[in-house]
Amino acid sequence: MSAHAATAGLAEPEGEESRDHSKDGPAPVRIVVAYGFWIFLLSDIIMFSALFASYAVLSGQTAGGPAGRELFELRHVGIETLCLLFSSYTCGLGILSVERRNTRGFYVAFALTFVLGATFLGLEVSEFVGLVARGAGPSRSAFLSAFFSLVGLHGLHVSAGLLWLCFMVAQFAAKGPRDFVRRRLLCFSLFWHALDIIWVGLLTLVYLMGAR
């Protein structure tokens, strides 16, 4: 989905919001929400970019402790990646189901999205617990501090996304596929796909390059 199409989808008319506005008047709420959400996503990406840069600088500062190649299990990480990527696919199916007024398809797709996202999160937590148990906690070295900060922040975003998903399912059940509900679902979808993009970068820089 292109940025132009997503913005257009967010800017569909709804009720009183579809009234004409004068050129000098305030922007409609739908326009403010659309562009405000894109600004939020961009600010989030900037924050992750700073953490990526910090990790790149500190990845070799192990203070005599274990490095990534001694800690990372790529099979474990591969399962995490598949769960998150498939959750993005099922999220897209859910949005298509809403557009086609397929209520059952929406519930099934978003239930799968939640299960896959929760599985990813559970695997990430188990990885953190295992590292701490091996004496490789965030206070062990600058490398591990940067690792836990970057990967942990992504995990917090996934947790927030799962809570948001539950809220949107409840709102869809209460309100139905109204215009404002569809716009909010599209915002959630953009957020969830952004987490996938960030994870691909994280997978490459942290795990694949770190395990060499």
N, C-alpha and C. Protein backbone atom coordinates (compact mmCIF):
# COMPACT_ATOMS: atom_id res chain seq x y z
N MET A 1 0.84 -1.19 0.00
CA MET A 1 0.00 0.00 0.00
C MET A 1 0.88 1.24 0.00
N SER A 2 0.68 2.15 -0.92
CA SER A 2 1.51 3.34 -1.02
C SER A 2 1.09 4.35 0.02
N ALA A 3 2.00 5.31 0.30
CA ALA A 3 1.69 6.35 1.27
C ALA A 3 0.52 7.18 0.80
N HIS A 4 0.47 7.44 -0.53
CA HIS A 4 -0.64 8.25 -1.05
C HIS A 4 -1.96 7.54 -0.85
N ALA A 5 -2.00 6.23 -1.14
CA ALA A 5 -3.25 5.47 -1.00
C ALA A 5 -3.66 5.39 0.45
N ALA A 6 -2.67 5.19 1.36
CA ALA A 6 -3.00 5.09 2.77
C ALA A 6 -3.57 6.41 3.28
N THR A 7 -2.96 7.51 2.84
CA THR A 7 -3.46 8.80 3.28
C THR A 7 -4.86 9.06 2.75
N ALA A 8 -5.09 8.62 1.51
CA ALA A 8 -6.42 8.79 0.93
C ALA A 8 -7.44 7.97 1.71
N GLY A 9 -7.03 6.74 2.12
CA GLY A 9 -7.94 5.91 2.88
C GLY A 9 -8.28 6.51 4.21
N LEU A 10 -7.28 7.17 4.83
CA LEU A 10 -7.52 7.80 6.12
C LEU A 10 -8.41 9.02 5.98
N ALA A 11 -8.47 9.59 4.78
CA ALA A 11 -9.16 10.86 4.60
C ALA A 11 -10.54 10.71 3.99
N GLU A 12 -11.20 9.55 4.16
CA GLU A 12 -12.53 9.38 3.62
C GLU A 12 -13.51 10.25 4.38
N PRO A 13 -14.53 10.78 3.71
CA PRO A 13 -15.49 11.63 4.40
C PRO A 13 -16.34 10.85 5.38
N GLU A 14 -16.73 11.49 6.46
CA GLU A 14 -17.58 10.85 7.45
C GLU A 14 -18.49 11.88 8.09
N GLY A 15 -19.79 11.69 7.95
CA GLY A 15 -20.78 12.51 8.63
C GLY A 15 -20.53 13.98 8.48
N GLU A 16 -20.40 14.64 9.65
CA GLU A 16 -20.23 16.08 9.65
C GLU A 16 -18.87 16.49 9.11
N GLU A 17 -17.90 15.54 9.12
CA GLU A 17 -16.57 15.88 8.65
C GLU A 17 -16.54 16.14 7.15
N SER A 18 -17.60 15.71 6.44
CA SER A 18 -17.63 15.87 4.99
C SER A 18 -18.11 17.24 4.55
N ARG A 19 -18.46 18.10 5.51
CA ARG A 19 -18.95 19.43 5.15
C ARG A 19 -17.83 20.26 4.54
N ASP A 20 -18.22 21.18 3.67
CA ASP A 20 -17.23 22.05 3.02
C ASP A 20 -16.63 23.01 4.04
N HIS A 21 -15.35 23.28 3.86
CA HIS A 21 -14.66 24.23 4.72
C HIS A 21 -14.12 25.35 3.85
N SER A 22 -14.13 26.53 4.38
CA SER A 22 -13.56 27.65 3.64
C SER A 22 -12.05 27.51 3.57
N LYS A 23 -11.47 28.21 2.62
CA LYS A 23 -10.03 28.10 2.43
C LYS A 23 -9.26 28.58 3.65
N ASP A 24 -9.83 29.53 4.38
CA ASP A 24 -9.14 30.08 5.54
C ASP A 24 -9.54 29.38 6.83
N GLY A 25 -10.43 28.42 6.77
CA GLY A 25 -10.90 27.74 7.97
C GLY A 25 -9.96 26.63 8.40
N PRO A 26 -10.24 26.02 9.55
CA PRO A 26 -9.40 24.92 10.04
C PRO A 26 -9.54 23.69 9.15
N ALA A 27 -8.51 22.87 9.12
CA ALA A 27 -8.54 21.62 8.33
C ALA A 27 -9.52 20.64 8.96
N PRO A 28 -10.19 19.83 8.14
CA PRO A 28 -11.09 18.82 8.68
C PRO A 28 -10.35 17.86 9.61
N VAL A 29 -11.08 17.29 10.55
CA VAL A 29 -10.47 16.37 11.51
C VAL A 29 -9.81 15.19 10.80
N ARG A 30 -10.43 14.69 9.73
CA ARG A 30 -9.89 13.52 9.03
C ARG A 30 -8.50 13.82 8.45
N ILE A 31 -8.29 15.08 7.98
CA ILE A 31 -6.98 15.45 7.43
C ILE A 31 -5.95 15.56 8.54
N VAL A 32 -6.35 16.15 9.66
CA VAL A 32 -5.44 16.28 10.79
C VAL A 32 -5.00 14.91 11.30
N VAL A 33 -5.95 14.00 11.41
CA VAL A 33 -5.63 12.65 11.89
C VAL A 33 -4.68 11.95 10.92
N ALA A 34 -4.96 12.07 9.62
CA ALA A 34 -4.14 11.39 8.62
C ALA A 34 -2.69 11.83 8.68
N TYR A 35 -2.46 13.11 8.59
CA TYR A 35 -1.09 13.61 8.56
C TYR A 35 -0.44 13.56 9.93
N GLY A 36 -1.24 13.72 10.97
CA GLY A 36 -0.70 13.58 12.32
C GLY A 36 -0.17 12.19 12.57
N PHE A 37 -0.85 11.19 12.04
CA PHE A 37 -0.39 9.82 12.25
C PHE A 37 0.89 9.55 11.48
N TRP A 38 1.00 10.10 10.27
CA TRP A 38 2.25 9.93 9.51
C TRP A 38 3.41 10.60 10.23
N ILE A 39 3.17 11.75 10.85
CA ILE A 39 4.23 12.41 11.63
C ILE A 39 4.64 11.54 12.81
N PHE A 40 3.65 10.91 13.46
CA PHE A 40 3.96 10.00 14.56
C PHE A 40 4.85 8.85 14.10
N LEU A 41 4.51 8.24 12.96
CA LEU A 41 5.31 7.13 12.45
C LEU A 41 6.73 7.59 12.12
N LEU A 42 6.85 8.74 11.49
CA LEU A 42 8.18 9.25 11.14
C LEU A 42 9.01 9.54 12.39
N SER A 43 8.39 10.10 13.42
CA SER A 43 9.13 10.37 14.66
C SER A 43 9.57 9.07 15.32
N ASP A 44 8.75 8.04 15.22
CA ASP A 44 9.11 6.74 15.77
C ASP A 44 10.31 6.15 15.01
N ILE A 45 10.29 6.29 13.70
CA ILE A 45 11.40 5.78 12.89
C ILE A 45 12.69 6.54 13.20
N ILE A 46 12.59 7.84 13.44
CA ILE A 46 13.77 8.62 13.80
C ILE A 46 14.34 8.13 15.13
N MET A 47 13.46 7.84 16.09
CA MET A 47 13.92 7.34 17.38
C MET A 47 14.64 6.00 17.23
N PHE A 48 14.08 5.10 16.43
CA PHE A 48 14.73 3.82 16.20
C PHE A 48 16.05 4.00 15.44
N SER A 49 16.10 4.96 14.54
CA SER A 49 17.34 5.21 13.81
C SER A 49 18.46 5.59 14.76
N ALA A 50 18.14 6.41 15.77
CA ALA A 50 19.15 6.80 16.76
C ALA A 50 19.64 5.58 17.54
N LEU A 51 18.72 4.69 17.88
CA LEU A 51 19.12 3.48 18.61
C LEU A 51 19.92 2.53 17.72
N PHE A 52 19.56 2.45 16.45
CA PHE A 52 20.35 1.65 15.51
C PHE A 52 21.78 2.17 15.44
N ALA A 53 21.91 3.49 15.36
CA ALA A 53 23.25 4.09 15.28
C ALA A 53 24.04 3.82 16.56
N SER A 54 23.37 3.93 17.71
CA SER A 54 24.05 3.66 18.98
C SER A 54 24.51 2.21 19.05
N TYR A 55 23.65 1.29 18.60
CA TYR A 55 24.03 -0.12 18.63
C TYR A 55 25.22 -0.38 17.70
N ALA A 56 25.21 0.23 16.53
CA ALA A 56 26.31 0.03 15.58
C ALA A 56 27.64 0.47 16.18
N VAL A 57 27.61 1.55 16.96
CA VAL A 57 28.84 2.05 17.58
C VAL A 57 29.28 1.16 18.74
N LEU A 58 28.31 0.66 19.51
CA LEU A 58 28.63 -0.08 20.74
C LEU A 58 28.67 -1.59 20.58
N SER A 59 28.37 -2.10 19.40
CA SER A 59 28.27 -3.55 19.23
C SER A 59 29.57 -4.29 19.52
N GLY A 60 30.71 -3.60 19.39
CA GLY A 60 31.99 -4.26 19.67
C GLY A 60 32.48 -4.05 21.09
N GLN A 61 31.76 -3.29 21.88
CA GLN A 61 32.19 -2.98 23.25
C GLN A 61 31.63 -4.02 24.22
N THR A 62 32.25 -5.19 24.24
CA THR A 62 31.77 -6.30 25.07
C THR A 62 32.37 -6.34 26.46
N ALA A 63 33.38 -5.51 26.73
CA ALA A 63 34.03 -5.46 28.05
C ALA A 63 34.50 -6.84 28.50
N GLY A 64 34.99 -7.61 27.55
CA GLY A 64 35.47 -8.95 27.88
C GLY A 64 34.38 -9.98 28.06
N GLY A 65 33.14 -9.58 27.86
CA GLY A 65 32.02 -10.50 28.01
C GLY A 65 31.66 -11.16 26.69
N PRO A 66 30.56 -11.89 26.66
CA PRO A 66 30.15 -12.60 25.45
C PRO A 66 29.73 -11.64 24.34
N ALA A 67 30.02 -12.02 23.10
CA ALA A 67 29.61 -11.25 21.93
C ALA A 67 28.36 -11.87 21.32
N GLY A 68 27.86 -11.24 20.27
CA GLY A 68 26.63 -11.72 19.65
C GLY A 68 26.74 -13.14 19.13
N ARG A 69 27.87 -13.49 18.54
CA ARG A 69 28.01 -14.83 17.97
C ARG A 69 27.95 -15.93 19.03
N GLU A 70 28.22 -15.57 20.28
CA GLU A 70 28.15 -16.54 21.37
C GLU A 70 26.77 -16.60 22.01
N LEU A 71 25.93 -15.61 21.74
CA LEU A 71 24.65 -15.51 22.43
C LEU A 71 23.44 -15.77 21.54
N PHE A 72 23.51 -15.34 20.28
CA PHE A 72 22.32 -15.38 19.43
C PHE A 72 22.09 -16.76 18.85
N GLU A 73 20.84 -17.21 18.90
CA GLU A 73 20.43 -18.47 18.29
C GLU A 73 19.55 -18.13 17.08
N LEU A 74 20.11 -18.29 15.90
CA LEU A 74 19.42 -17.83 14.70
C LEU A 74 18.14 -18.62 14.42
N ARG A 75 18.10 -19.87 14.82
CA ARG A 75 16.85 -20.64 14.63
C ARG A 75 15.73 -20.03 15.45
N HIS A 76 16.02 -19.67 16.68
CA HIS A 76 15.04 -19.02 17.55
C HIS A 76 14.58 -17.70 16.93
N VAL A 77 15.55 -16.91 16.46
CA VAL A 77 15.24 -15.62 15.86
C VAL A 77 14.46 -15.81 14.56
N GLY A 78 14.77 -16.87 13.81
CA GLY A 78 14.04 -17.14 12.57
C GLY A 78 12.57 -17.40 12.82
N ILE A 79 12.25 -18.13 13.90
CA ILE A 79 10.85 -18.38 14.24
C ILE A 79 10.16 -17.08 14.63
N GLU A 80 10.85 -16.25 15.40
CA GLU A 80 10.29 -14.94 15.74
C GLU A 80 9.95 -14.14 14.48
N THR A 81 10.89 -14.14 13.55
CA THR A 81 10.71 -13.37 12.31
C THR A 81 9.52 -13.87 11.51
N LEU A 82 9.38 -15.17 11.38
CA LEU A 82 8.25 -15.73 10.63
C LEU A 82 6.93 -15.35 11.29
N CYS A 83 6.89 -15.41 12.61
CA CYS A 83 5.66 -15.05 13.32
C CYS A 83 5.27 -13.60 13.03
N LEU A 84 6.25 -12.70 13.09
CA LEU A 84 5.93 -11.28 12.89
C LEU A 84 5.56 -11.00 11.44
N LEU A 85 6.27 -11.61 10.50
CA LEU A 85 5.96 -11.37 9.08
C LEU A 85 4.58 -11.91 8.71
N PHE A 86 4.25 -13.11 9.20
CA PHE A 86 2.93 -13.67 8.91
C PHE A 86 1.83 -12.86 9.60
N SER A 87 2.14 -12.29 10.77
CA SER A 87 1.13 -11.46 11.44
C SER A 87 0.83 -10.21 10.61
N SER A 88 1.83 -9.69 9.92
CA SER A 88 1.60 -8.54 9.04
C SER A 88 0.69 -8.93 7.87
N TYR A 89 0.91 -10.15 7.36
CA TYR A 89 0.07 -10.65 6.26
C TYR A 89 -1.39 -10.81 6.71
N THR A 90 -1.59 -11.41 7.88
CA THR A 90 -2.96 -11.61 8.36
C THR A 90 -3.62 -10.28 8.72
N CYS A 91 -2.82 -9.31 9.18
CA CYS A 91 -3.36 -7.98 9.44
C CYS A 91 -3.88 -7.36 8.14
N GLY A 92 -3.12 -7.50 7.06
CA GLY A 92 -3.56 -7.00 5.77
C GLY A 92 -4.85 -7.68 5.31
N LEU A 93 -4.95 -8.99 5.54
CA LEU A 93 -6.18 -9.70 5.19
C LEU A 93 -7.37 -9.16 5.98
N GLY A 94 -7.12 -8.82 7.25
CA GLY A 94 -8.20 -8.27 8.07
C GLY A 94 -8.71 -6.95 7.54
N ILE A 95 -7.79 -6.08 7.11
CA ILE A 95 -8.19 -4.79 6.55
C ILE A 95 -8.98 -4.99 5.26
N LEU A 96 -8.54 -5.92 4.41
CA LEU A 96 -9.28 -6.22 3.18
C LEU A 96 -10.68 -6.76 3.50
N SER A 97 -10.79 -7.56 4.55
CA SER A 97 -12.09 -8.10 4.94
C SER A 97 -13.04 -7.00 5.36
N VAL A 98 -12.52 -5.98 6.05
CA VAL A 98 -13.36 -4.85 6.45
C VAL A 98 -13.87 -4.11 5.22
N GLU A 99 -12.98 -3.87 4.24
CA GLU A 99 -13.39 -3.17 3.03
C GLU A 99 -14.45 -3.95 2.26
N ARG A 100 -14.41 -5.27 2.35
CA ARG A 100 -15.37 -6.12 1.65
C ARG A 100 -16.58 -6.47 2.50
N ARG A 101 -16.66 -5.86 3.70
CA ARG A 101 -17.77 -6.10 4.63
C ARG A 101 -17.85 -7.58 5.02
N ASN A 102 -16.69 -8.22 5.12
CA ASN A 102 -16.61 -9.62 5.54
C ASN A 102 -16.26 -9.65 7.02
N THR A 103 -17.28 -9.58 7.87
CA THR A 103 -17.06 -9.48 9.31
C THR A 103 -16.35 -10.71 9.87
N ARG A 104 -16.77 -11.88 9.45
CA ARG A 104 -16.15 -13.10 9.96
C ARG A 104 -14.67 -13.16 9.56
N GLY A 105 -14.38 -12.80 8.33
CA GLY A 105 -12.99 -12.80 7.87
C GLY A 105 -12.14 -11.84 8.68
N PHE A 106 -12.72 -10.69 9.04
CA PHE A 106 -11.98 -9.72 9.86
C PHE A 106 -11.62 -10.31 11.21
N TYR A 107 -12.59 -10.93 11.88
CA TYR A 107 -12.32 -11.48 13.21
C TYR A 107 -11.28 -12.60 13.14
N VAL A 108 -11.39 -13.45 12.15
CA VAL A 108 -10.43 -14.55 12.02
C VAL A 108 -9.02 -14.01 11.76
N ALA A 109 -8.92 -13.06 10.83
CA ALA A 109 -7.61 -12.51 10.48
C ALA A 109 -6.97 -11.78 11.66
N PHE A 110 -7.76 -11.01 12.40
CA PHE A 110 -7.18 -10.28 13.53
C PHE A 110 -6.89 -11.20 14.71
N ALA A 111 -7.65 -12.28 14.85
CA ALA A 111 -7.33 -13.26 15.89
C ALA A 111 -5.98 -13.91 15.59
N LEU A 112 -5.75 -14.26 14.32
CA LEU A 112 -4.46 -14.83 13.93
C LEU A 112 -3.33 -13.81 14.12
N THR A 113 -3.62 -12.56 13.80
CA THR A 113 -2.61 -11.51 14.00
C THR A 113 -2.21 -11.41 15.47
N PHE A 114 -3.20 -11.47 16.34
CA PHE A 114 -2.91 -11.39 17.77
C PHE A 114 -2.10 -12.59 18.24
N VAL A 115 -2.48 -13.78 17.81
CA VAL A 115 -1.77 -15.00 18.24
C VAL A 115 -0.32 -14.96 17.76
N LEU A 116 -0.12 -14.58 16.51
CA LEU A 116 1.24 -14.53 15.97
C LEU A 116 2.08 -13.45 16.65
N GLY A 117 1.47 -12.28 16.89
CA GLY A 117 2.18 -11.21 17.59
C GLY A 117 2.52 -11.59 19.01
N ALA A 118 1.58 -12.25 19.71
CA ALA A 118 1.84 -12.67 21.08
C ALA A 118 2.91 -13.76 21.12
N THR A 119 2.92 -14.64 20.12
CA THR A 119 3.96 -15.67 20.05
C THR A 119 5.33 -15.03 19.86
N PHE A 120 5.41 -14.05 18.95
CA PHE A 120 6.66 -13.32 18.76
C PHE A 120 7.13 -12.70 20.07
N LEU A 121 6.22 -12.06 20.77
CA LEU A 121 6.57 -11.39 22.01
C LEU A 121 7.03 -12.39 23.07
N GLY A 122 6.33 -13.53 23.14
CA GLY A 122 6.72 -14.56 24.10
C GLY A 122 8.11 -15.10 23.84
N LEU A 123 8.44 -15.30 22.55
CA LEU A 123 9.77 -15.78 22.20
C LEU A 123 10.85 -14.75 22.54
N GLU A 124 10.52 -13.49 22.34
CA GLU A 124 11.48 -12.43 22.67
C GLU A 124 11.72 -12.35 24.17
N VAL A 125 10.67 -12.47 24.95
CA VAL A 125 10.82 -12.45 26.41
C VAL A 125 11.64 -13.65 26.88
N SER A 126 11.38 -14.82 26.30
CA SER A 126 12.15 -16.01 26.68
C SER A 126 13.62 -15.84 26.33
N GLU A 127 13.92 -15.16 25.22
CA GLU A 127 15.31 -14.89 24.85
C GLU A 127 15.97 -13.99 25.89
N PHE A 128 15.28 -12.94 26.30
CA PHE A 128 15.82 -12.03 27.30
C PHE A 128 16.07 -12.75 28.63
N VAL A 129 15.10 -13.56 29.04
CA VAL A 129 15.25 -14.30 30.30
C VAL A 129 16.44 -15.24 30.23
N GLY A 130 16.61 -15.91 29.08
CA GLY A 130 17.74 -16.82 28.91
C GLY A 130 19.07 -16.09 28.96
N LEU A 131 19.15 -14.91 28.35
CA LEU A 131 20.39 -14.15 28.37
C LEU A 131 20.74 -13.69 29.78
N VAL A 132 19.75 -13.20 30.51
CA VAL A 132 20.00 -12.76 31.88
C VAL A 132 20.45 -13.93 32.75
N ALA A 133 19.82 -15.11 32.54
CA ALA A 133 20.20 -16.29 33.31
C ALA A 133 21.64 -16.72 33.04
N ARG A 134 22.14 -16.41 31.86
CA ARG A 134 23.52 -16.75 31.50
C ARG A 134 24.51 -15.66 31.89
N GLY A 135 24.04 -14.65 32.62
CA GLY A 135 24.91 -13.57 33.04
C GLY A 135 25.15 -12.53 31.99
N ALA A 136 24.29 -12.50 30.97
CA ALA A 136 24.43 -11.54 29.87
C ALA A 136 23.30 -10.53 29.92
N GLY A 137 23.12 -9.90 31.07
CA GLY A 137 22.09 -8.89 31.21
C GLY A 137 22.53 -7.56 30.66
N PRO A 138 21.65 -6.58 30.68
CA PRO A 138 21.97 -5.27 30.07
C PRO A 138 23.10 -4.52 30.76
N SER A 139 23.40 -4.84 32.02
CA SER A 139 24.48 -4.16 32.74
C SER A 139 25.84 -4.81 32.53
N ARG A 140 25.89 -5.91 31.77
CA ARG A 140 27.15 -6.63 31.59
C ARG A 140 28.15 -5.88 30.72
N SER A 141 27.66 -5.21 29.69
CA SER A 141 28.55 -4.48 28.78
C SER A 141 27.76 -3.45 28.01
N ALA A 142 28.48 -2.54 27.35
CA ALA A 142 27.82 -1.53 26.52
C ALA A 142 27.08 -2.20 25.36
N PHE A 143 27.67 -3.25 24.81
CA PHE A 143 27.02 -3.99 23.72
C PHE A 143 25.66 -4.52 24.16
N LEU A 144 25.61 -5.15 25.34
CA LEU A 144 24.35 -5.72 25.80
C LEU A 144 23.35 -4.64 26.21
N SER A 145 23.85 -3.52 26.72
CA SER A 145 22.94 -2.40 27.03
C SER A 145 22.26 -1.90 25.76
N ALA A 146 23.05 -1.75 24.69
CA ALA A 146 22.48 -1.29 23.42
C ALA A 146 21.53 -2.34 22.84
N PHE A 147 21.90 -3.61 22.98
CA PHE A 147 21.05 -4.69 22.47
C PHE A 147 19.69 -4.71 23.16
N PHE A 148 19.70 -4.69 24.48
CA PHE A 148 18.43 -4.74 25.22
C PHE A 148 17.59 -3.49 24.97
N SER A 149 18.25 -2.35 24.82
CA SER A 149 17.50 -1.11 24.57
C SER A 149 16.80 -1.16 23.21
N LEU A 150 17.53 -1.57 22.18
CA LEU A 150 16.97 -1.58 20.82
C LEU A 150 15.91 -2.65 20.66
N VAL A 151 16.25 -3.89 21.00
CA VAL A 151 15.30 -4.99 20.83
C VAL A 151 14.14 -4.85 21.81
N GLY A 152 14.44 -4.40 23.03
CA GLY A 152 13.38 -4.23 24.02
C GLY A 152 12.38 -3.16 23.64
N LEU A 153 12.86 -2.06 23.05
CA LEU A 153 11.94 -1.00 22.61
C LEU A 153 11.01 -1.51 21.51
N HIS A 154 11.55 -2.31 20.60
CA HIS A 154 10.69 -2.90 19.57
C HIS A 154 9.65 -3.80 20.21
N GLY A 155 10.06 -4.59 21.21
CA GLY A 155 9.10 -5.44 21.90
C GLY A 155 8.01 -4.66 22.59
N LEU A 156 8.36 -3.51 23.17
CA LEU A 156 7.35 -2.66 23.81
C LEU A 156 6.35 -2.15 22.77
N HIS A 157 6.85 -1.83 21.57
CA HIS A 157 5.94 -1.39 20.51
C HIS A 157 5.00 -2.52 20.09
N VAL A 158 5.52 -3.74 20.03
CA VAL A 158 4.65 -4.88 19.70
C VAL A 158 3.59 -5.06 20.79
N SER A 159 3.98 -4.91 22.06
CA SER A 159 3.02 -5.02 23.16
C SER A 159 1.92 -3.96 23.03
N ALA A 160 2.33 -2.73 22.73
CA ALA A 160 1.34 -1.66 22.54
C ALA A 160 0.44 -1.97 21.35
N GLY A 161 1.03 -2.54 20.29
CA GLY A 161 0.23 -2.90 19.12
C GLY A 161 -0.81 -3.96 19.43
N LEU A 162 -0.46 -4.92 20.28
CA LEU A 162 -1.43 -5.97 20.64
C LEU A 162 -2.58 -5.38 21.45
N LEU A 163 -2.27 -4.45 22.36
CA LEU A 163 -3.34 -3.80 23.11
C LEU A 163 -4.23 -2.98 22.18
N TRP A 164 -3.61 -2.29 21.25
CA TRP A 164 -4.36 -1.50 20.27
C TRP A 164 -5.25 -2.42 19.43
N LEU A 165 -4.73 -3.57 19.04
CA LEU A 165 -5.51 -4.53 18.25
C LEU A 165 -6.77 -4.95 19.01
N CYS A 166 -6.60 -5.28 20.30
CA CYS A 166 -7.76 -5.69 21.10
C CYS A 166 -8.80 -4.58 21.19
N PHE A 167 -8.32 -3.35 21.36
CA PHE A 167 -9.24 -2.21 21.43
C PHE A 167 -10.00 -2.04 20.12
N MET A 168 -9.30 -2.19 18.99
CA MET A 168 -9.95 -1.99 17.70
C MET A 168 -10.97 -3.09 17.41
N VAL A 169 -10.67 -4.33 17.81
CA VAL A 169 -11.64 -5.41 17.63
C VAL A 169 -12.90 -5.12 18.45
N ALA A 170 -12.70 -4.66 19.69
CA ALA A 170 -13.85 -4.33 20.54
C ALA A 170 -14.65 -3.17 19.93
N GLN A 171 -13.97 -2.17 19.40
CA GLN A 171 -14.68 -1.04 18.79
C GLN A 171 -15.41 -1.47 17.52
N PHE A 172 -14.79 -2.34 16.73
CA PHE A 172 -15.46 -2.83 15.53
C PHE A 172 -16.71 -3.61 15.90
N ALA A 173 -16.62 -4.41 16.96
CA ALA A 173 -17.79 -5.18 17.40
C ALA A 173 -18.92 -4.27 17.88
N ALA A 174 -18.55 -3.14 18.50
CA ALA A 174 -19.56 -2.23 19.05
C ALA A 174 -20.12 -1.27 18.00
N LYS A 175 -19.26 -0.79 17.10
CA LYS A 175 -19.66 0.26 16.16
C LYS A 175 -19.88 -0.23 14.74
N GLY A 176 -19.29 -1.38 14.38
CA GLY A 176 -19.39 -1.85 13.02
C GLY A 176 -18.39 -1.14 12.11
N PRO A 177 -18.44 -1.40 10.81
CA PRO A 177 -17.45 -0.83 9.87
C PRO A 177 -17.75 0.61 9.47
N ARG A 178 -17.90 1.48 10.44
CA ARG A 178 -18.13 2.89 10.13
C ARG A 178 -16.84 3.51 9.60
N ASP A 179 -16.96 4.68 9.01
CA ASP A 179 -15.81 5.32 8.39
C ASP A 179 -14.69 5.58 9.38
N PHE A 180 -15.03 6.10 10.57
CA PHE A 180 -13.98 6.43 11.53
C PHE A 180 -13.32 5.17 12.08
N VAL A 181 -14.09 4.07 12.17
CA VAL A 181 -13.51 2.79 12.63
C VAL A 181 -12.54 2.26 11.57
N ARG A 182 -12.94 2.37 10.32
CA ARG A 182 -12.06 1.90 9.24
C ARG A 182 -10.78 2.71 9.18
N ARG A 183 -10.87 4.03 9.42
CA ARG A 183 -9.65 4.85 9.42
C ARG A 183 -8.72 4.46 10.56
N ARG A 184 -9.30 4.19 11.72
CA ARG A 184 -8.47 3.78 12.85
C ARG A 184 -7.85 2.41 12.62
N LEU A 185 -8.58 1.52 11.98
CA LEU A 185 -8.01 0.22 11.64
C LEU A 185 -6.86 0.38 10.65
N LEU A 186 -6.99 1.30 9.72
CA LEU A 186 -5.92 1.54 8.77
C LEU A 186 -4.69 2.11 9.47
N CYS A 187 -4.90 3.00 10.44
CA CYS A 187 -3.78 3.51 11.24
C CYS A 187 -3.07 2.38 11.95
N PHE A 188 -3.85 1.49 12.55
CA PHE A 188 -3.24 0.34 13.23
C PHE A 188 -2.44 -0.50 12.25
N SER A 189 -3.00 -0.73 11.08
CA SER A 189 -2.32 -1.54 10.07
C SER A 189 -0.98 -0.92 9.68
N LEU A 190 -0.95 0.39 9.47
CA LEU A 190 0.29 1.08 9.12
C LEU A 190 1.32 0.94 10.25
N PHE A 191 0.87 1.07 11.47
CA PHE A 191 1.76 0.92 12.62
C PHE A 191 2.34 -0.49 12.67
N TRP A 192 1.49 -1.49 12.46
CA TRP A 192 1.94 -2.88 12.54
C TRP A 192 2.94 -3.21 11.42
N HIS A 193 2.66 -2.71 10.23
CA HIS A 193 3.60 -2.94 9.11
C HIS A 193 4.92 -2.22 9.36
N ALA A 194 4.88 -1.05 9.99
CA ALA A 194 6.11 -0.33 10.31
C ALA A 194 6.97 -1.13 11.28
N LEU A 195 6.33 -1.84 12.22
CA LEU A 195 7.09 -2.68 13.14
C LEU A 195 7.79 -3.81 12.39
N ASP A 196 7.16 -4.33 11.34
CA ASP A 196 7.80 -5.35 10.51
C ASP A 196 9.05 -4.80 9.82
N ILE A 197 8.93 -3.60 9.27
CA ILE A 197 10.06 -2.99 8.57
C ILE A 197 11.23 -2.77 9.54
N ILE A 198 10.91 -2.27 10.73
CA ILE A 198 11.96 -2.05 11.73
C ILE A 198 12.61 -3.37 12.13
N TRP A 199 11.79 -4.42 12.26
CA TRP A 199 12.34 -5.72 12.66
C TRP A 199 13.29 -6.27 11.60
N VAL A 200 12.97 -6.08 10.33
CA VAL A 200 13.87 -6.56 9.28
C VAL A 200 15.23 -5.90 9.39
N GLY A 201 15.24 -4.58 9.65
CA GLY A 201 16.51 -3.89 9.86
C GLY A 201 17.22 -4.38 11.10
N LEU A 202 16.45 -4.62 12.16
CA LEU A 202 17.01 -5.11 13.40
C LEU A 202 17.58 -6.52 13.22
N LEU A 203 16.85 -7.36 12.52
CA LEU A 203 17.31 -8.72 12.25
C LEU A 203 18.65 -8.71 11.51
N THR A 204 18.76 -7.83 10.53
CA THR A 204 19.98 -7.77 9.72
C THR A 204 21.17 -7.25 10.52
N LEU A 205 20.99 -6.09 11.18
CA LEU A 205 22.10 -5.46 11.88
C LEU A 205 22.49 -6.21 13.15
N VAL A 206 21.50 -6.58 13.95
CA VAL A 206 21.79 -7.15 15.26
C VAL A 206 22.10 -8.63 15.18
N TYR A 207 21.20 -9.40 14.57
CA TYR A 207 21.33 -10.85 14.65
C TYR A 207 22.21 -11.44 13.54
N LEU A 208 21.91 -11.13 12.30
CA LEU A 208 22.67 -11.75 11.21
C LEU A 208 24.12 -11.28 11.19
N MET A 209 24.33 -9.97 11.33
CA MET A 209 25.70 -9.47 11.35
C MET A 209 26.39 -9.80 12.67
N GLY A 210 25.63 -9.80 13.76
CA GLY A 210 26.21 -10.09 15.07
C GLY A 210 26.59 -11.53 15.27
N ALA A 211 25.93 -12.44 14.55
CA ALA A 211 26.22 -13.87 14.71
C ALA A 211 27.34 -14.36 13.81
N ARG A 212 27.91 -13.48 13.00
CA ARG A 212 28.97 -13.90 12.10
C ARG A 212 30.22 -14.26 12.89
